[in-house]
Amino acid sequence: MAKKTKNKYSADQFGKSEGTVEKKSFYFGSKNFKLMLIGIGLILLGFVLMMGADANTTPEGKFDPNYWNEDIFSFRRIRLAPLLVIAGFAVQVFAILKRNKD
């Protein structure tokens, strides 16, 4: 049987010197994953802050078509919660685009 010899001019070795070892790394590092978790947390917090009683729900929790709940227009639901959701998506975009410096 003839011994198989490795062709030193094969395509998989093209452009590499024999002493170098190629480091294969994942694109996302630990900071990327931490930022993504922070972004998901902000999004979830924003959606939780948007929750609450409906417009026709009394303080006792019963549906009454003659009752109007003004809490649906509170600062928390109209301004704070959507701001947190948008900030969470911005953090997600930043986490995805941030380059890993390993």
PDB file of N, CA and C in Angstrom:
ATOM      1  N   MET A   1       0.821  -1.171   0.000  1.00  0.00           N
ATOM      2  CA  MET A   1       0.000   0.000   0.000  1.00  0.00           C
ATOM      3  C   MET A   1       0.874   1.247   0.000  1.00  0.00           C
ATOM      4  N   ALA A   2       0.445   2.149  -0.803  1.00  0.00           N
ATOM      5  CA  ALA A   2       1.187   3.402  -0.893  1.00  0.00           C
ATOM      6  C   ALA A   2       0.754   4.322   0.240  1.00  0.00           C
ATOM      7  N   LYS A   3       1.712   4.992   0.810  1.00  0.00           N
ATOM      8  CA  LYS A   3       1.434   5.926   1.889  1.00  0.00           C
ATOM      9  C   LYS A   3       0.829   7.202   1.301  1.00  0.00           C
ATOM     10  N   LYS A   4      -0.282   7.689   1.938  1.00  0.00           N
ATOM     11  CA  LYS A   4      -0.907   8.917   1.452  1.00  0.00           C
ATOM     12  C   LYS A   4      -0.060  10.096   1.887  1.00  0.00           C
ATOM     13  N   THR A   5       0.260  10.916   0.955  1.00  0.00           N
ATOM     14  CA  THR A   5       1.013  12.128   1.269  1.00  0.00           C
ATOM     15  C   THR A   5       0.090  13.320   1.094  1.00  0.00           C
ATOM     16  N   LYS A   6       0.277  14.298   1.923  1.00  0.00           N
ATOM     17  CA  LYS A   6      -0.544  15.493   1.864  1.00  0.00           C
ATOM     18  C   LYS A   6       0.069  16.453   0.862  1.00  0.00           C
ATOM     19  N   ASN A   7      -0.750  16.906  -0.040  1.00  0.00           N
ATOM     20  CA  ASN A   7      -0.292  17.853  -1.045  1.00  0.00           C
ATOM     21  C   ASN A   7      -0.153  19.221  -0.392  1.00  0.00           C
ATOM     22  N   LYS A   8       1.035  19.768  -0.411  1.00  0.00           N
ATOM     23  CA  LYS A   8       1.223  21.046   0.253  1.00  0.00           C
ATOM     24  C   LYS A   8       0.641  22.208  -0.537  1.00  0.00           C
ATOM     25  N   TYR A   9       0.142  21.934  -1.729  1.00  0.00           N
ATOM     26  CA  TYR A   9      -0.468  22.979  -2.534  1.00  0.00           C
ATOM     27  C   TYR A   9      -1.979  22.796  -2.660  1.00  0.00           C
ATOM     28  N   SER A  10      -2.592  22.133  -1.698  1.00  0.00           N
ATOM     29  CA  SER A  10      -4.041  21.921  -1.768  1.00  0.00           C
ATOM     30  C   SER A  10      -4.771  23.227  -1.444  1.00  0.00           C
ATOM     31  N   ALA A  11      -6.037  23.295  -1.852  1.00  0.00           N
ATOM     32  CA  ALA A  11      -6.807  24.528  -1.720  1.00  0.00           C
ATOM     33  C   ALA A  11      -7.071  24.904  -0.270  1.00  0.00           C
ATOM     34  N   ASP A  12      -7.225  23.930   0.622  1.00  0.00           N
ATOM     35  CA  ASP A  12      -7.513  24.274   2.012  1.00  0.00           C
ATOM     36  C   ASP A  12      -6.299  24.853   2.734  1.00  0.00           C
ATOM     37  N   GLN A  13      -5.127  24.668   2.206  1.00  0.00           N
ATOM     38  CA  GLN A  13      -3.923  25.215   2.813  1.00  0.00           C
ATOM     39  C   GLN A  13      -3.430  26.476   2.113  1.00  0.00           C
ATOM     40  N   PHE A  14      -4.128  26.923   1.085  1.00  0.00           N
ATOM     41  CA  PHE A  14      -3.673  28.060   0.291  1.00  0.00           C
ATOM     42  C   PHE A  14      -3.669  29.328   1.135  1.00  0.00           C
ATOM     43  N   GLY A  15      -2.570  30.042   1.154  1.00  0.00           N
ATOM     44  CA  GLY A  15      -2.450  31.307   1.862  1.00  0.00           C
ATOM     45  C   GLY A  15      -2.095  31.178   3.319  1.00  0.00           C
ATOM     46  N   LYS A  16      -1.879  29.986   3.812  1.00  0.00           N
ATOM     47  CA  LYS A  16      -1.532  29.793   5.209  1.00  0.00           C
ATOM     48  C   LYS A  16      -0.106  29.287   5.308  1.00  0.00           C
ATOM     49  N   SER A  17       0.592  29.821   6.276  1.00  0.00           N
ATOM     50  CA  SER A  17       1.906  29.251   6.517  1.00  0.00           C
ATOM     51  C   SER A  17       1.734  28.036   7.415  1.00  0.00           C
ATOM     52  N   GLU A  18       2.682  27.170   7.422  1.00  0.00           N
ATOM     53  CA  GLU A  18       2.522  25.906   8.129  1.00  0.00           C
ATOM     54  C   GLU A  18       2.516  26.054   9.640  1.00  0.00           C
ATOM     55  N   GLY A  19       3.048  27.138  10.185  1.00  0.00           N
ATOM     56  CA  GLY A  19       3.129  27.305  11.633  1.00  0.00           C
ATOM     57  C   GLY A  19       1.940  28.019  12.239  1.00  0.00           C
ATOM     58  N   THR A  20       1.044  28.551  11.442  1.00  0.00           N
ATOM     59  CA  THR A  20      -0.069  29.310  12.007  1.00  0.00           C
ATOM     60  C   THR A  20      -1.253  28.396  12.296  1.00  0.00           C
ATOM     61  N   VAL A  21      -1.948  28.732  13.364  1.00  0.00           N
ATOM     62  CA  VAL A  21      -3.154  28.017  13.736  1.00  0.00           C
ATOM     63  C   VAL A  21      -4.306  29.011  13.639  1.00  0.00           C
ATOM     64  N   GLU A  22      -5.312  28.655  12.873  1.00  0.00           N
ATOM     65  CA  GLU A  22      -6.452  29.552  12.694  1.00  0.00           C
ATOM     66  C   GLU A  22      -7.380  29.453  13.895  1.00  0.00           C
ATOM     67  N   LYS A  23      -7.668  30.599  14.495  1.00  0.00           N
ATOM     68  CA  LYS A  23      -8.565  30.627  15.639  1.00  0.00           C
ATOM     69  C   LYS A  23      -9.975  30.884  15.125  1.00  0.00           C
ATOM     70  N   LYS A  24     -10.854  29.932  15.342  1.00  0.00           N
ATOM     71  CA  LYS A  24     -12.236  30.098  14.934  1.00  0.00           C
ATOM     72  C   LYS A  24     -13.020  30.569  16.148  1.00  0.00           C
ATOM     73  N   SER A  25     -13.580  31.759  16.032  1.00  0.00           N
ATOM     74  CA  SER A  25     -14.336  32.301  17.155  1.00  0.00           C
ATOM     75  C   SER A  25     -15.738  32.658  16.700  1.00  0.00           C
ATOM     76  N   PHE A  26     -16.639  32.630  17.660  1.00  0.00           N
ATOM     77  CA  PHE A  26     -18.025  32.987  17.407  1.00  0.00           C
ATOM     78  C   PHE A  26     -18.119  34.502  17.324  1.00  0.00           C
ATOM     79  N   TYR A  27     -19.035  35.015  16.517  1.00  0.00           N
ATOM     80  CA  TYR A  27     -19.131  36.463  16.329  1.00  0.00           C
ATOM     81  C   TYR A  27     -19.545  37.171  17.612  1.00  0.00           C
ATOM     82  N   PHE A  28     -20.477  36.592  18.369  1.00  0.00           N
ATOM     83  CA  PHE A  28     -20.938  37.221  19.599  1.00  0.00           C
ATOM     84  C   PHE A  28     -20.053  36.816  20.761  1.00  0.00           C
ATOM     85  N   GLY A  29     -19.691  37.802  21.567  1.00  0.00           N
ATOM     86  CA  GLY A  29     -18.942  37.540  22.784  1.00  0.00           C
ATOM     87  C   GLY A  29     -19.873  37.610  23.983  1.00  0.00           C
ATOM     88  N   SER A  30     -19.308  37.533  25.154  1.00  0.00           N
ATOM     89  CA  SER A  30     -20.140  37.548  26.364  1.00  0.00           C
ATOM     90  C   SER A  30     -20.799  38.909  26.569  1.00  0.00           C
ATOM     91  N   LYS A  31     -20.127  39.985  26.163  1.00  0.00           N
ATOM     92  CA  LYS A  31     -20.732  41.316  26.300  1.00  0.00           C
ATOM     93  C   LYS A  31     -21.947  41.457  25.394  1.00  0.00           C
ATOM     94  N   ASN A  32     -21.889  40.863  24.213  1.00  0.00           N
ATOM     95  CA  ASN A  32     -23.031  40.914  23.308  1.00  0.00           C
ATOM     96  C   ASN A  32     -24.243  40.227  23.938  1.00  0.00           C
ATOM     97  N   PHE A  33     -24.014  39.074  24.535  1.00  0.00           N
ATOM     98  CA  PHE A  33     -25.115  38.346  25.139  1.00  0.00           C
ATOM     99  C   PHE A  33     -25.669  39.089  26.360  1.00  0.00           C
ATOM    100  N   LYS A  34     -24.806  39.723  27.135  1.00  0.00           N
ATOM    101  CA  LYS A  34     -25.277  40.498  28.286  1.00  0.00           C
ATOM    102  C   LYS A  34     -26.123  41.679  27.819  1.00  0.00           C
ATOM    103  N   LEU A  35     -25.668  42.361  26.773  1.00  0.00           N
ATOM    104  CA  LEU A  35     -26.447  43.476  26.246  1.00  0.00           C
ATOM    105  C   LEU A  35     -27.781  43.007  25.678  1.00  0.00           C
ATOM    106  N   MET A  36     -27.787  41.839  25.048  1.00  0.00           N
ATOM    107  CA  MET A  36     -29.041  41.313  24.521  1.00  0.00           C
ATOM    108  C   MET A  36     -30.010  40.973  25.654  1.00  0.00           C
ATOM    109  N   LEU A  37     -29.513  40.428  26.749  1.00  0.00           N
ATOM    110  CA  LEU A  37     -30.378  40.138  27.898  1.00  0.00           C
ATOM    111  C   LEU A  37     -30.922  41.424  28.509  1.00  0.00           C
ATOM    112  N   ILE A  38     -30.096  42.461  28.577  1.00  0.00           N
ATOM    113  CA  ILE A  38     -30.563  43.754  29.079  1.00  0.00           C
ATOM    114  C   ILE A  38     -31.654  44.309  28.171  1.00  0.00           C
ATOM    115  N   GLY A  39     -31.461  44.190  26.860  1.00  0.00           N
ATOM    116  CA  GLY A  39     -32.469  44.653  25.909  1.00  0.00           C
ATOM    117  C   GLY A  39     -33.780  43.899  26.050  1.00  0.00           C
ATOM    118  N   ILE A  40     -33.706  42.585  26.204  1.00  0.00           N
ATOM    119  CA  ILE A  40     -34.922  41.786  26.391  1.00  0.00           C
ATOM    120  C   ILE A  40     -35.607  42.170  27.696  1.00  0.00           C
ATOM    121  N   GLY A  41     -34.814  42.423  28.732  1.00  0.00           N
ATOM    122  CA  GLY A  41     -35.385  42.856  30.012  1.00  0.00           C
ATOM    123  C   GLY A  41     -36.112  44.187  29.893  1.00  0.00           C
ATOM    124  N   LEU A  42     -35.529  45.136  29.163  1.00  0.00           N
ATOM    125  CA  LEU A  42     -36.182  46.430  28.973  1.00  0.00           C
ATOM    126  C   LEU A  42     -37.490  46.289  28.191  1.00  0.00           C
ATOM    127  N   ILE A  43     -37.476  45.452  27.174  1.00  0.00           N
ATOM    128  CA  ILE A  43     -38.690  45.235  26.381  1.00  0.00           C
ATOM    129  C   ILE A  43     -39.777  44.603  27.243  1.00  0.00           C
ATOM    130  N   LEU A  44     -39.435  43.579  27.995  1.00  0.00           N
ATOM    131  CA  LEU A  44     -40.424  42.925  28.859  1.00  0.00           C
ATOM    132  C   LEU A  44     -40.952  43.879  29.927  1.00  0.00           C
ATOM    133  N   LEU A  45     -40.069  44.688  30.520  1.00  0.00           N
ATOM    134  CA  LEU A  45     -40.501  45.650  31.523  1.00  0.00           C
ATOM    135  C   LEU A  45     -41.465  46.666  30.921  1.00  0.00           C
ATOM    136  N   GLY A  46     -41.182  47.115  29.704  1.00  0.00           N
ATOM    137  CA  GLY A  46     -42.082  48.048  29.036  1.00  0.00           C
ATOM    138  C   GLY A  46     -43.452  47.446  28.804  1.00  0.00           C
ATOM    139  N   PHE A  47     -43.514  46.201  28.363  1.00  0.00           N
ATOM    140  CA  PHE A  47     -44.811  45.565  28.140  1.00  0.00           C
ATOM    141  C   PHE A  47     -45.553  45.312  29.449  1.00  0.00           C
ATOM    142  N   VAL A  48     -44.833  44.977  30.504  1.00  0.00           N
ATOM    143  CA  VAL A  48     -45.480  44.778  31.803  1.00  0.00           C
ATOM    144  C   VAL A  48     -46.059  46.101  32.306  1.00  0.00           C
ATOM    145  N   LEU A  49     -45.330  47.201  32.112  1.00  0.00           N
ATOM    146  CA  LEU A  49     -45.843  48.500  32.553  1.00  0.00           C
ATOM    147  C   LEU A  49     -47.053  48.949  31.737  1.00  0.00           C
ATOM    148  N   MET A  50     -47.204  48.461  30.520  1.00  0.00           N
ATOM    149  CA  MET A  50     -48.381  48.799  29.719  1.00  0.00           C
ATOM    150  C   MET A  50     -49.627  48.051  30.177  1.00  0.00           C
ATOM    151  N   MET A  51     -49.446  46.967  30.892  1.00  0.00           N
ATOM    152  CA  MET A  51     -50.600  46.170  31.323  1.00  0.00           C
ATOM    153  C   MET A  51     -51.372  46.900  32.404  1.00  0.00           C
ATOM    154  N   GLY A  52     -52.612  46.505  32.566  1.00  0.00           N
ATOM    155  CA  GLY A  52     -53.443  47.079  33.613  1.00  0.00           C
ATOM    156  C   GLY A  52     -54.900  46.888  33.277  1.00  0.00           C
ATOM    157  N   ALA A  53     -55.740  47.537  34.061  1.00  0.00           N
ATOM    158  CA  ALA A  53     -57.177  47.405  33.860  1.00  0.00           C
ATOM    159  C   ALA A  53     -57.595  48.067  32.552  1.00  0.00           C
ATOM    160  N   ASP A  54     -58.666  47.547  31.962  1.00  0.00           N
ATOM    161  CA  ASP A  54     -59.189  48.097  30.720  1.00  0.00           C
ATOM    162  C   ASP A  54     -59.910  49.412  30.991  1.00  0.00           C
ATOM    163  N   ALA A  55     -60.375  50.040  29.929  1.00  0.00           N
ATOM    164  CA  ALA A  55     -61.043  51.332  30.055  1.00  0.00           C
ATOM    165  C   ALA A  55     -62.374  51.219  30.777  1.00  0.00           C
ATOM    166  N   ASN A  56     -63.060  50.093  30.666  1.00  0.00           N
ATOM    167  CA  ASN A  56     -64.385  49.936  31.269  1.00  0.00           C
ATOM    168  C   ASN A  56     -64.377  49.024  32.482  1.00  0.00           C
ATOM    169  N   THR A  57     -63.239  48.835  33.108  1.00  0.00           N
ATOM    170  CA  THR A  57     -63.156  47.983  34.289  1.00  0.00           C
ATOM    171  C   THR A  57     -63.165  48.859  35.535  1.00  0.00           C
ATOM    172  N   THR A  58     -64.053  48.546  36.442  1.00  0.00           N
ATOM    173  CA  THR A  58     -64.159  49.308  37.690  1.00  0.00           C
ATOM    174  C   THR A  58     -62.981  48.974  38.595  1.00  0.00           C
ATOM    175  N   PRO A  59     -62.748  49.786  39.631  1.00  0.00           N
ATOM    176  CA  PRO A  59     -61.658  49.460  40.568  1.00  0.00           C
ATOM    177  C   PRO A  59     -61.833  48.113  41.260  1.00  0.00           C
ATOM    178  N   GLU A  60     -63.061  47.606  41.315  1.00  0.00           N
ATOM    179  CA  GLU A  60     -63.293  46.283  41.915  1.00  0.00           C
ATOM    180  C   GLU A  60     -62.978  45.163  40.941  1.00  0.00           C
ATOM    181  N   GLY A  61     -62.712  45.491  39.673  1.00  0.00           N
ATOM    182  CA  GLY A  61     -62.361  44.494  38.682  1.00  0.00           C
ATOM    183  C   GLY A  61     -63.527  44.000  37.857  1.00  0.00           C
ATOM    184  N   LYS A  62     -64.666  44.651  37.940  1.00  0.00           N
ATOM    185  CA  LYS A  62     -65.849  44.224  37.194  1.00  0.00           C
ATOM    186  C   LYS A  62     -66.021  45.085  35.947  1.00  0.00           C
ATOM    187  N   PHE A  63     -66.558  44.494  34.903  1.00  0.00           N
ATOM    188  CA  PHE A  63     -66.813  45.215  33.657  1.00  0.00           C
ATOM    189  C   PHE A  63     -68.114  46.009  33.786  1.00  0.00           C
ATOM    190  N   ASP A  64     -68.031  47.302  33.531  1.00  0.00           N
ATOM    191  CA  ASP A  64     -69.206  48.161  33.570  1.00  0.00           C
ATOM    192  C   ASP A  64     -69.125  49.118  32.386  1.00  0.00           C
ATOM    193  N   PRO A  65     -70.041  49.021  31.423  1.00  0.00           N
ATOM    194  CA  PRO A  65     -69.965  49.891  30.252  1.00  0.00           C
ATOM    195  C   PRO A  65     -70.217  51.361  30.577  1.00  0.00           C
ATOM    196  N   ASN A  66     -70.758  51.665  31.749  1.00  0.00           N
ATOM    197  CA  ASN A  66     -71.019  53.055  32.136  1.00  0.00           C
ATOM    198  C   ASN A  66     -69.862  53.680  32.906  1.00  0.00           C
ATOM    199  N   TYR A  67     -68.835  52.922  33.176  1.00  0.00           N
ATOM    200  CA  TYR A  67     -67.671  53.416  33.936  1.00  0.00           C
ATOM    201  C   TYR A  67     -66.525  53.674  32.979  1.00  0.00           C
ATOM    202  N   TRP A  68     -65.819  54.773  33.182  1.00  0.00           N
ATOM    203  CA  TRP A  68     -64.654  55.111  32.355  1.00  0.00           C
ATOM    204  C   TRP A  68     -63.433  55.221  33.253  1.00  0.00           C
ATOM    205  N   ASN A  69     -62.441  54.405  32.970  1.00  0.00           N
ATOM    206  CA  ASN A  69     -61.212  54.366  33.758  1.00  0.00           C
ATOM    207  C   ASN A  69     -60.186  55.294  33.103  1.00  0.00           C
ATOM    208  N   GLU A  70     -59.824  56.365  33.783  1.00  0.00           N
ATOM    209  CA  GLU A  70     -58.855  57.333  33.246  1.00  0.00           C
ATOM    210  C   GLU A  70     -57.409  56.837  33.332  1.00  0.00           C
ATOM    211  N   ASP A  71     -57.182  55.730  34.027  1.00  0.00           N
ATOM    212  CA  ASP A  71     -55.811  55.215  34.178  1.00  0.00           C
ATOM    213  C   ASP A  71     -55.210  54.710  32.870  1.00  0.00           C
ATOM    214  N   ILE A  72     -56.028  54.518  31.850  1.00  0.00           N
ATOM    215  CA  ILE A  72     -55.454  54.058  30.582  1.00  0.00           C
ATOM    216  C   ILE A  72     -54.626  55.160  29.916  1.00  0.00           C
ATOM    217  N   PHE A  73     -54.801  56.402  30.365  1.00  0.00           N
ATOM    218  CA  PHE A  73     -54.036  57.522  29.815  1.00  0.00           C
ATOM    219  C   PHE A  73     -52.958  58.006  30.782  1.00  0.00           C
ATOM    220  N   SER A  74     -52.509  57.148  31.680  1.00  0.00           N
ATOM    221  CA  SER A  74     -51.507  57.549  32.665  1.00  0.00           C
ATOM    222  C   SER A  74     -50.137  57.705  32.007  1.00  0.00           C
ATOM    223  N   PHE A  75     -49.264  58.435  32.683  1.00  0.00           N
ATOM    224  CA  PHE A  75     -47.896  58.650  32.208  1.00  0.00           C
ATOM    225  C   PHE A  75     -47.177  57.325  32.001  1.00  0.00           C
ATOM    226  N   ARG A  76     -47.426  56.388  32.895  1.00  0.00           N
ATOM    227  CA  ARG A  76     -46.754  55.088  32.843  1.00  0.00           C
ATOM    228  C   ARG A  76     -47.086  54.344  31.555  1.00  0.00           C
ATOM    229  N   ARG A  77     -48.348  54.347  31.158  1.00  0.00           N
ATOM    230  CA  ARG A  77     -48.773  53.591  29.977  1.00  0.00           C
ATOM    231  C   ARG A  77     -48.509  54.312  28.664  1.00  0.00           C
ATOM    232  N   ILE A  78     -48.613  55.615  28.666  1.00  0.00           N
ATOM    233  CA  ILE A  78     -48.519  56.368  27.415  1.00  0.00           C
ATOM    234  C   ILE A  78     -47.084  56.773  27.092  1.00  0.00           C
ATOM    235  N   ARG A  79     -46.288  57.087  28.094  1.00  0.00           N
ATOM    236  CA  ARG A  79     -44.951  57.607  27.828  1.00  0.00           C
ATOM    237  C   ARG A  79     -43.824  56.675  28.277  1.00  0.00           C
ATOM    238  N   LEU A  80     -43.884  56.220  29.508  1.00  0.00           N
ATOM    239  CA  LEU A  80     -42.770  55.456  30.074  1.00  0.00           C
ATOM    240  C   LEU A  80     -42.630  54.075  29.439  1.00  0.00           C
ATOM    241  N   ALA A  81     -43.718  53.334  29.353  1.00  0.00           N
ATOM    242  CA  ALA A  81     -43.655  51.965  28.835  1.00  0.00           C
ATOM    243  C   ALA A  81     -43.205  51.915  27.369  1.00  0.00           C
ATOM    244  N   PRO A  82     -43.774  52.729  26.463  1.00  0.00           N
ATOM    245  CA  PRO A  82     -43.280  52.684  25.082  1.00  0.00           C
ATOM    246  C   PRO A  82     -41.827  53.134  24.958  1.00  0.00           C
ATOM    247  N   LEU A  83     -41.409  54.077  25.803  1.00  0.00           N
ATOM    248  CA  LEU A  83     -40.011  54.515  25.783  1.00  0.00           C
ATOM    249  C   LEU A  83     -39.080  53.362  26.174  1.00  0.00           C
ATOM    250  N   LEU A  84     -39.478  52.578  27.168  1.00  0.00           N
ATOM    251  CA  LEU A  84     -38.664  51.429  27.571  1.00  0.00           C
ATOM    252  C   LEU A  84     -38.616  50.368  26.472  1.00  0.00           C
ATOM    253  N   VAL A  85     -39.720  50.153  25.786  1.00  0.00           N
ATOM    254  CA  VAL A  85     -39.733  49.166  24.704  1.00  0.00           C
ATOM    255  C   VAL A  85     -38.814  49.619  23.566  1.00  0.00           C
ATOM    256  N   ILE A  86     -38.889  50.880  23.188  1.00  0.00           N
ATOM    257  CA  ILE A  86     -38.022  51.394  22.120  1.00  0.00           C
ATOM    258  C   ILE A  86     -36.561  51.358  22.549  1.00  0.00           C
ATOM    259  N   ALA A  87     -36.281  51.701  23.809  1.00  0.00           N
ATOM    260  CA  ALA A  87     -34.905  51.627  24.307  1.00  0.00           C
ATOM    261  C   ALA A  87     -34.405  50.190  24.298  1.00  0.00           C
ATOM    262  N   GLY A  88     -35.271  49.241  24.627  1.00  0.00           N
ATOM    263  CA  GLY A  88     -34.882  47.829  24.591  1.00  0.00           C
ATOM    264  C   GLY A  88     -34.529  47.378  23.189  1.00  0.00           C
ATOM    265  N   PHE A  89     -35.312  47.804  22.192  1.00  0.00           N
ATOM    266  CA  PHE A  89     -34.984  47.443  20.812  1.00  0.00           C
ATOM    267  C   PHE A  89     -33.694  48.123  20.358  1.00  0.00           C
ATOM    268  N   ALA A  90     -33.449  49.337  20.807  1.00  0.00           N
ATOM    269  CA  ALA A  90     -32.196  50.012  20.456  1.00  0.00           C
ATOM    270  C   ALA A  90     -30.996  49.282  21.068  1.00  0.00           C
ATOM    271  N   VAL A  91     -31.137  48.821  22.294  1.00  0.00           N
ATOM    272  CA  VAL A  91     -30.064  48.047  22.933  1.00  0.00           C
ATOM    273  C   VAL A  91     -29.845  46.744  22.175  1.00  0.00           C
ATOM    274  N   GLN A  92     -30.925  46.112  21.697  1.00  0.00           N
ATOM    275  CA  GLN A  92     -30.791  44.878  20.922  1.00  0.00           C
ATOM    276  C   GLN A  92     -29.998  45.117  19.639  1.00  0.00           C
ATOM    277  N   VAL A  93     -30.324  46.192  18.933  1.00  0.00           N
ATOM    278  CA  VAL A  93     -29.595  46.504  17.692  1.00  0.00           C
ATOM    279  C   VAL A  93     -28.129  46.759  17.999  1.00  0.00           C
ATOM    280  N   PHE A  94     -27.856  47.517  19.068  1.00  0.00           N
ATOM    281  CA  PHE A  94     -26.472  47.786  19.446  1.00  0.00           C
ATOM    282  C   PHE A  94     -25.735  46.503  19.810  1.00  0.00           C
ATOM    283  N   ALA A  95     -26.410  45.602  20.527  1.00  0.00           N
ATOM    284  CA  ALA A  95     -25.775  44.339  20.935  1.00  0.00           C
ATOM    285  C   ALA A  95     -25.445  43.480  19.735  1.00  0.00           C
ATOM    286  N   ILE A  96     -26.292  43.510  18.722  1.00  0.00           N
ATOM    287  CA  ILE A  96     -26.034  42.694  17.534  1.00  0.00           C
ATOM    288  C   ILE A  96     -24.899  43.287  16.699  1.00  0.00           C
ATOM    289  N   LEU A  97     -24.845  44.612  16.598  1.00  0.00           N
ATOM    290  CA  LEU A  97     -23.850  45.252  15.748  1.00  0.00           C
ATOM    291  C   LEU A  97     -22.499  45.472  16.430  1.00  0.00           C
ATOM    292  N   LYS A  98     -22.440  45.337  17.754  1.00  0.00           N
ATOM    293  CA  LYS A  98     -21.188  45.551  18.484  1.00  0.00           C
ATOM    294  C   LYS A  98     -20.175  44.466  18.092  1.00  0.00           C
ATOM    295  N   ARG A  99     -18.998  44.915  17.725  1.00  0.00           N
ATOM    296  CA  ARG A  99     -17.951  43.990  17.309  1.00  0.00           C
ATOM    297  C   ARG A  99     -17.272  43.373  18.523  1.00  0.00           C
ATOM    298  N   ASN A 100     -17.011  42.096  18.439  1.00  0.00           N
ATOM    299  CA  ASN A 100     -16.314  41.367  19.490  1.00  0.00           C
ATOM    300  C   ASN A 100     -14.818  41.614  19.347  1.00  0.00           C
ATOM    301  N   LYS A 101     -14.147  42.070  20.398  1.00  0.00           N
ATOM    302  CA  LYS A 101     -12.724  42.422  20.302  1.00  0.00           C
ATOM    303  C   LYS A 101     -11.841  41.391  20.990  1.00  0.00           C
ATOM    304  N   ASP A 102     -12.050  40.134  20.672  1.00  0.00           N
ATOM    305  CA  ASP A 102     -11.213  39.077  21.281  1.00  0.00           C
ATOM    306  C   ASP A 102      -9.909  38.914  20.579  1.00  0.00           C
TER     307      ASP A 102
END
